[in-house]
Amino acid sequence: MEWNIENEIREQLMKAYHQHGFNRYLDEYDEDLLIEIETLENLVDKICINEGIDKKQFLFGGQTK
């Protein structure tokens, strides 16, 4: 997969989701991680609107175009 900003956002968001799940398993709370997830989700929402796709297509569909 070639580098582009959409792939970078996708990768960072998936990592943050996994870390959040792990933190919940350990009963830990990380406000900074939640802020990061919210920020990345806002970017994904804008990309999805621009591309005419939904979030699931963005996260799991690979290429958005």
C-alpha atoms as a PDB file:
ATOM      1  CA  MET A   1       0.000   0.000   0.000  1.00  0.00           C
ATOM      2  CA  GLU A   2       1.478   3.304  -1.012  1.00  0.00           C
ATOM      3  CA  TRP A   3       1.726   6.138   1.478  1.00  0.00           C
ATOM      4  CA  ASN A   4      -0.913   8.842   1.402  1.00  0.00           C
ATOM      5  CA  ILE A   5      -2.606  10.869   4.084  1.00  0.00           C
ATOM      6  CA  GLU A   6      -5.772   8.756   4.034  1.00  0.00           C
ATOM      7  CA  ASN A   7      -3.800   5.557   4.642  1.00  0.00           C
ATOM      8  CA  GLU A   8      -1.883   7.267   7.444  1.00  0.00           C
ATOM      9  CA  ILE A   9      -5.115   8.415   9.131  1.00  0.00           C
ATOM     10  CA  ARG A  10      -6.605   4.937   8.723  1.00  0.00           C
ATOM     11  CA  GLU A  11      -3.552   3.286  10.274  1.00  0.00           C
ATOM     12  CA  GLN A  12      -3.339   5.733  13.185  1.00  0.00           C
ATOM     13  CA  LEU A  13      -7.051   5.417  13.957  1.00  0.00           C
ATOM     14  CA  MET A  14      -6.942   1.613  13.933  1.00  0.00           C
ATOM     15  CA  LYS A  15      -3.923   1.663  16.268  1.00  0.00           C
ATOM     16  CA  ALA A  16      -5.717   4.076  18.604  1.00  0.00           C
ATOM     17  CA  TYR A  17      -8.832   1.865  18.639  1.00  0.00           C
ATOM     18  CA  HIS A  18      -6.710  -1.162  19.527  1.00  0.00           C
ATOM     19  CA  GLN A  19      -4.862   0.734  22.263  1.00  0.00           C
ATOM     20  CA  HIS A  20      -8.169   1.997  23.674  1.00  0.00           C
ATOM     21  CA  GLY A  21      -9.507  -1.558  23.802  1.00  0.00           C
ATOM     22  CA  PHE A  22      -6.368  -2.759  25.548  1.00  0.00           C
ATOM     23  CA  ASN A  23      -6.570   0.100  28.044  1.00  0.00           C
ATOM     24  CA  ARG A  24     -10.193  -0.784  28.807  1.00  0.00           C
ATOM     25  CA  TYR A  25      -9.144  -4.391  29.384  1.00  0.00           C
ATOM     26  CA  LEU A  26      -6.568  -3.156  31.918  1.00  0.00           C
ATOM     27  CA  ASP A  27      -9.093  -0.753  33.489  1.00  0.00           C
ATOM     28  CA  GLU A  28      -6.936   2.230  32.535  1.00  0.00           C
ATOM     29  CA  TYR A  29      -8.219   5.590  31.339  1.00  0.00           C
ATOM     30  CA  ASP A  30      -6.238   7.730  28.894  1.00  0.00           C
ATOM     31  CA  GLU A  31      -7.831  11.067  28.069  1.00  0.00           C
ATOM     32  CA  ASP A  32      -5.116  11.914  25.539  1.00  0.00           C
ATOM     33  CA  LEU A  33      -5.896   8.754  23.583  1.00  0.00           C
ATOM     34  CA  LEU A  34      -9.599   9.611  23.541  1.00  0.00           C
ATOM     35  CA  ILE A  35      -8.769  13.091  22.235  1.00  0.00           C
ATOM     36  CA  GLU A  36      -6.600  11.517  19.511  1.00  0.00           C
ATOM     37  CA  ILE A  37      -9.425   9.155  18.516  1.00  0.00           C
ATOM     38  CA  GLU A  38     -11.926  12.014  18.386  1.00  0.00           C
ATOM     39  CA  THR A  39      -9.600  14.108  16.231  1.00  0.00           C
ATOM     40  CA  LEU A  40      -8.925  11.245  13.816  1.00  0.00           C
ATOM     41  CA  GLU A  41     -12.634  10.395  13.622  1.00  0.00           C
ATOM     42  CA  ASN A  42     -13.399  14.017  12.715  1.00  0.00           C
ATOM     43  CA  LEU A  43     -10.884  13.793   9.867  1.00  0.00           C
ATOM     44  CA  VAL A  44     -12.367  10.485   8.723  1.00  0.00           C
ATOM     45  CA  ASP A  45     -15.858  12.008   8.732  1.00  0.00           C
ATOM     46  CA  LYS A  46     -14.671  14.816   6.448  1.00  0.00           C
ATOM     47  CA  ILE A  47     -12.900  12.384   4.117  1.00  0.00           C
ATOM     48  CA  CYS A  48     -16.009  10.180   3.965  1.00  0.00           C
ATOM     49  CA  ILE A  49     -18.244  13.122   3.097  1.00  0.00           C
ATOM     50  CA  ASN A  50     -15.795  14.257   0.430  1.00  0.00           C
ATOM     51  CA  GLU A  51     -15.448  10.754  -1.063  1.00  0.00           C
ATOM     52  CA  GLY A  52     -19.124   9.810  -0.693  1.00  0.00           C
ATOM     53  CA  ILE A  53     -18.414   6.715   1.409  1.00  0.00           C
ATOM     54  CA  ASP A  54     -19.225   5.621   4.946  1.00  0.00           C
ATOM     55  CA  LYS A  55     -16.784   5.118   7.810  1.00  0.00           C
ATOM     56  CA  LYS A  56     -16.816   1.335   7.491  1.00  0.00           C
ATOM     57  CA  GLN A  57     -15.842   1.576   3.815  1.00  0.00           C
ATOM     58  CA  PHE A  58     -13.032   3.931   4.746  1.00  0.00           C
ATOM     59  CA  LEU A  59     -11.671   1.796   7.562  1.00  0.00           C
ATOM     60  CA  PHE A  60     -11.968  -1.620   5.925  1.00  0.00           C
ATOM     61  CA  GLY A  61     -12.198  -0.877   2.232  1.00  0.00           C
ATOM     62  CA  GLY A  62      -8.583   0.046   1.666  1.00  0.00           C
ATOM     63  CA  GLN A  63      -8.619   2.458  -1.230  1.00  0.00           C
ATOM     64  CA  THR A  64     -11.224   5.208  -0.930  1.00  0.00           C
ATOM     65  CA  LYS A  65     -11.307   6.103  -4.588  1.00  0.00           C
END
